[in-house]
C-alpha cells in the first residue's frame, strides 16, 4: 500500500490546502491598523460626553466563507462548528456570543470570531466541511469600528447614501457600501449602534474622516 493510501482523510486534505496559524499567540503583542491612534489614551483624556461614540474592536478573526447555500450538509456543518446558522436571507446577519456572520452575496459570508480562535475554527472547517467550498482567513486585512450615540445616524448620512431609517434598515441588516471615499461593510446592532468592517489600508483615512464629521456632535472615544 502506498504512502498516500496510508494517509487519513484529514492528512490528505491538509496536503491540498496551505493552512497556517497567522496569529503567533497571546504572548506576542498584536497591533491593530489604528494602534497609533491610542484609543485607550484618548478614552481617558478626551471628551466624556458627545453625540458620537467610537470604539475599535481590534484584532478579531475575519474569515470569508464561500459555499453552496442549498447544500444542506454544508449549512449544517457551519452551524455545528460555529453554533450559529448561516443567514440565508440577503443583507442579513446572525450572531451568537462572540461569533457573528454577515451575508455578503448568495454564496459568500463574512464570519467574525475572537482573533485567537480563528485558526482553530479554520482547522475545523478543513476537517469537517463536505463538498466544494472556500474559506479564506483575511484577519490581518481589516478591522472593526463600533459607532454609536445619539448622532450616529447623522454621521452615517454624511458618509454614505444608504437609507438608515429603522423601517428600511432594521437591527441585524448588513450592507457593503461606499463610506466617504472608501468602503465599509456596515451592520446595525442597535437603534443607534453600528458595526463597520473596514479595510486596513483605509483605516487611518476613515478614522480622520470620522473625527472631522463628528465635530458638530462631539466625539467620545471608548477603550
Protein backbone atom coordinates (compact mmCIF):
# COMPACT_ATOMS: atom_id res chain seq x y z
CA UNK A 1 0.00 0.00 0.00
CA UNK A 2 1.42 3.40 -0.97
CA UNK A 3 2.21 6.18 1.48
CA UNK A 4 -0.72 8.21 0.10
CA UNK A 5 -3.14 5.37 0.82
CA UNK A 6 -1.95 5.26 4.43
CA UNK A 7 -2.92 8.91 4.99
CA UNK A 8 -6.05 9.75 6.93
CA UNK A 9 -8.69 11.89 5.25
CA UNK A 10 -7.64 14.88 7.34
CA UNK A 11 -3.96 14.40 6.43
CA UNK A 12 -4.84 14.11 2.77
CA UNK A 13 -6.93 17.28 2.91
CA UNK A 14 -4.10 19.11 4.67
CA UNK A 15 -1.77 18.36 1.75
CA UNK A 16 -4.17 20.18 -0.59
CA UNK A 17 -4.52 23.43 1.36
CA UNK A 18 -1.94 25.86 2.68
CA UNK A 19 -3.17 26.35 6.24
CA UNK A 20 -1.15 28.19 8.84
CA UNK A 21 -1.83 30.00 12.08
CA UNK A 22 -1.44 33.70 11.31
CA UNK A 23 -1.54 34.70 15.00
CA UNK A 24 1.67 33.87 16.90
CA UNK A 25 -0.08 33.61 20.29
CA UNK A 26 -1.29 35.63 23.28
CA UNK A 27 2.28 36.27 24.45
CA UNK A 28 3.06 38.37 21.35
CA UNK A 29 1.55 41.87 21.22
CA UNK A 30 -0.64 42.43 18.19
CA UNK A 31 -1.16 45.88 16.75
CA UNK A 32 -4.34 46.96 15.01
CA UNK A 33 -4.36 49.30 11.99
CA UNK A 34 -5.29 52.11 14.41
CA UNK A 35 -2.72 51.27 17.05
CA UNK A 36 -1.07 54.66 16.51
CA UNK A 37 -4.32 56.48 17.38
CA UNK A 38 -4.03 55.32 21.01
CA UNK A 39 -7.76 54.85 21.62
CA UNK A 40 -7.07 53.83 25.23
CA UNK A 41 -5.30 57.11 25.90
CA UNK A 42 -7.92 59.17 24.06
CA UNK A 43 -10.67 57.47 26.07
CA UNK A 44 -9.06 58.70 29.31
CA UNK A 45 -8.12 62.25 28.36
CA UNK A 46 -10.65 63.03 25.61
CA UNK A 47 -14.29 64.15 25.69
CA UNK A 48 -16.54 62.18 28.02
CA UNK A 49 -19.83 63.37 26.53
CA UNK A 50 -20.89 63.73 22.92
CA UNK A 51 -23.26 62.55 20.23
CA UNK A 52 -20.81 60.12 18.60
CA UNK A 53 -19.18 57.22 20.44
CA UNK A 54 -16.41 55.28 18.72
CA UNK A 55 -14.59 52.10 19.71
CA UNK A 56 -12.31 49.78 17.78
CA UNK A 57 -12.85 46.05 18.06
CA UNK A 58 -9.25 45.25 17.29
CA UNK A 59 -7.58 42.01 16.21
CA UNK A 60 -10.68 39.94 15.54
CA UNK A 61 -10.56 36.92 13.27
CA UNK A 62 -12.05 37.61 9.82
CA UNK A 63 -13.00 34.52 7.79
CA UNK A 64 -14.58 34.71 4.34
CA UNK A 65 -16.63 31.61 3.53
CA UNK A 66 -17.95 30.70 0.10
CA UNK A 67 -20.17 27.67 -0.22
CA UNK A 68 -23.49 26.42 -1.62
CA UNK A 69 -26.41 27.66 0.48
CA UNK A 70 -28.61 24.93 -1.00
CA UNK A 71 -26.23 22.23 0.24
CA UNK A 72 -27.88 21.17 3.50
CA UNK A 73 -24.80 19.25 4.67
CA UNK A 74 -22.60 22.32 4.32
CA UNK A 75 -25.13 24.59 6.04
CA UNK A 76 -25.45 22.10 8.91
CA UNK A 77 -21.68 21.81 9.21
CA UNK A 78 -21.30 25.59 9.58
CA UNK A 79 -23.92 25.61 12.33
CA UNK A 80 -22.18 22.73 14.12
CA UNK A 81 -18.79 24.47 14.05
CA UNK A 82 -19.91 28.00 14.96
CA UNK A 83 -23.04 27.30 16.98
CA UNK A 84 -24.95 29.73 14.76
CA UNK A 85 -26.59 29.13 11.38
CA UNK A 86 -25.68 30.88 8.17
CA UNK A 87 -28.01 33.82 7.43
CA UNK A 88 -29.52 32.88 4.06
CA UNK A 89 -31.68 35.96 3.52
CA UNK A 90 -29.88 38.73 1.59
CA UNK A 91 -28.42 41.60 3.65
CA UNK A 92 -28.97 39.88 6.99
CA UNK A 93 -26.71 38.67 9.78
CA UNK A 94 -26.65 36.19 12.62
CA UNK A 95 -24.69 36.04 15.84
CA UNK A 96 -24.22 34.04 18.99
CA UNK A 97 -21.87 35.15 21.71
CA UNK A 98 -18.56 36.26 20.20
CA UNK A 99 -19.32 34.75 16.77
CA UNK A 100 -21.16 36.69 14.06
CA UNK A 101 -21.89 36.05 10.37
CA UNK A 102 -22.78 38.57 7.67
CA UNK A 103 -24.48 37.72 4.36
CA UNK A 104 -22.28 39.21 1.60
CA UNK A 105 -23.69 37.56 -1.55
CA UNK A 106 -25.73 34.44 -2.42
CA UNK A 107 -22.67 32.22 -1.85
CA UNK A 108 -20.44 34.37 0.40
CA UNK A 109 -20.39 35.17 4.13
CA UNK A 110 -18.06 37.15 6.39
CA UNK A 111 -17.51 35.50 9.76
CA UNK A 112 -16.02 37.38 12.72
CA UNK A 113 -14.60 35.43 15.66
CA UNK A 114 -12.17 36.14 18.53
CA UNK A 115 -8.74 36.56 16.98
CA UNK A 116 -7.04 33.76 18.88
CA UNK A 117 -9.76 31.31 17.81
CA UNK A 118 -9.53 31.96 14.06
CA UNK A 119 -7.02 29.22 13.27
CA UNK A 120 -8.86 26.63 15.36
CA UNK A 121 -12.12 27.39 13.57
CA UNK A 122 -10.39 27.38 10.19
CA UNK A 123 -8.93 23.96 11.01
CA UNK A 124 -12.36 22.63 11.99
CA UNK A 125 -13.71 23.68 8.62
CA UNK A 126 -10.83 21.94 6.84
CA UNK A 127 -11.54 18.72 8.75
CA UNK A 128 -15.34 18.65 8.65
CA UNK A 129 -16.76 20.72 5.77
CA UNK A 130 -18.01 18.48 2.95
CA UNK A 131 -18.06 19.28 -0.75
CA UNK A 132 -16.57 22.20 -2.62
CA UNK A 133 -16.12 25.42 -0.64
CA UNK A 134 -13.61 28.18 0.06
CA UNK A 135 -12.52 29.59 3.41
CA UNK A 136 -10.04 32.48 3.50
CA UNK A 137 -8.54 33.92 6.66
CA UNK A 138 -8.19 37.66 5.97
CA UNK A 139 -7.85 38.73 9.60
CA UNK A 140 -4.86 41.00 9.01
CA UNK A 141 -6.56 42.94 6.24
CA UNK A 142 -9.42 44.55 8.15
CA UNK A 143 -10.51 46.00 11.45
CA UNK A 144 -13.87 46.80 13.06
CA UNK A 145 -15.20 50.09 14.38
CA UNK A 146 -18.25 50.34 16.64
CA UNK A 147 -20.13 53.59 16.01
CA UNK A 148 -22.94 54.61 18.38
CA UNK A 149 -24.53 57.58 20.10
CA UNK A 150 -27.47 59.93 19.60
CA UNK A 151 -26.00 61.30 16.36
CA UNK A 152 -24.62 58.09 14.88
CA UNK A 153 -27.22 58.05 12.10
CA UNK A 154 -26.48 61.68 11.24
CA UNK A 155 -22.80 60.85 10.82
CA UNK A 156 -23.63 57.88 8.59
CA UNK A 157 -25.86 60.12 6.46
CA UNK A 158 -22.85 62.37 5.89
CA UNK A 159 -20.71 59.42 4.88
CA UNK A 160 -22.98 57.15 2.80
CA UNK A 161 -26.02 57.17 0.53
CA UNK A 162 -27.87 54.45 2.44
CA UNK A 163 -31.34 54.98 3.96
CA UNK A 164 -30.71 54.45 7.69
CA UNK A 165 -34.31 54.74 8.87
CA UNK A 166 -35.19 51.80 11.12
CA UNK A 167 -38.06 50.82 8.85
CA UNK A 168 -35.63 50.38 5.95
CA UNK A 169 -32.52 49.35 7.86
CA UNK A 170 -33.53 47.31 10.91
CA UNK A 171 -31.26 45.83 13.55
CA UNK A 172 -29.27 42.96 12.04
CA UNK A 173 -29.26 44.27 8.48
CA UNK A 174 -25.92 44.40 6.66
CA UNK A 175 -24.77 46.40 3.65
CA UNK A 176 -21.45 46.86 1.88
CA UNK A 177 -21.27 50.41 0.63
CA UNK A 178 -19.16 53.45 -0.05
CA UNK A 179 -18.12 55.23 3.13
CA UNK A 180 -16.76 58.69 2.29
CA UNK A 181 -14.21 57.80 -0.43
CA UNK A 182 -13.56 54.31 0.92
CA UNK A 183 -15.78 51.28 1.57
CA UNK A 184 -17.25 49.59 4.63
CA UNK A 185 -19.43 46.63 5.48
CA UNK A 186 -21.92 48.08 7.97
CA UNK A 187 -24.20 46.11 10.27
CA UNK A 188 -26.80 47.64 12.55
CA UNK A 189 -26.51 46.17 16.03
CA UNK A 190 -28.93 48.53 17.82
CA UNK A 191 -31.19 51.52 17.18
CA UNK A 192 -28.19 53.86 17.38
CA UNK A 193 -25.34 51.36 17.16
CA UNK A 194 -23.45 50.21 14.07
CA UNK A 195 -20.51 47.95 13.30
CA UNK A 196 -18.18 48.95 10.46
CA UNK A 197 -15.79 46.42 8.95
CA UNK A 198 -13.16 48.49 7.14
CA UNK A 199 -10.04 47.72 5.15
CA UNK A 200 -6.73 48.03 6.94
CA UNK A 201 -5.28 50.28 4.24
CA UNK A 202 -8.10 52.81 4.67
CA UNK A 203 -8.42 52.63 8.47
CA UNK A 204 -6.48 55.84 9.11
CA UNK A 205 -8.43 57.73 6.44
CA UNK A 206 -11.77 56.65 7.92
CA UNK A 207 -10.58 57.49 11.43
CA UNK A 208 -9.68 61.03 10.28
CA UNK A 209 -12.98 61.32 8.40
CA UNK A 210 -14.99 60.37 11.48
CA UNK A 211 -13.13 62.92 13.57
CA UNK A 212 -14.00 65.66 11.10
CA UNK A 213 -17.61 64.55 10.58
CA UNK A 214 -18.15 64.41 14.36
CA UNK A 215 -17.07 67.99 15.12
CA UNK A 216 -20.61 69.34 15.42
CA UNK A 217 -21.74 66.47 17.66
CA UNK A 218 -18.75 65.74 19.88
CA UNK A 219 -16.67 62.57 19.60
CA UNK A 220 -16.27 60.25 22.59
CA UNK A 221 -13.63 57.53 22.25
CA UNK A 222 -14.26 54.28 24.07
CA UNK A 223 -11.42 51.96 25.03
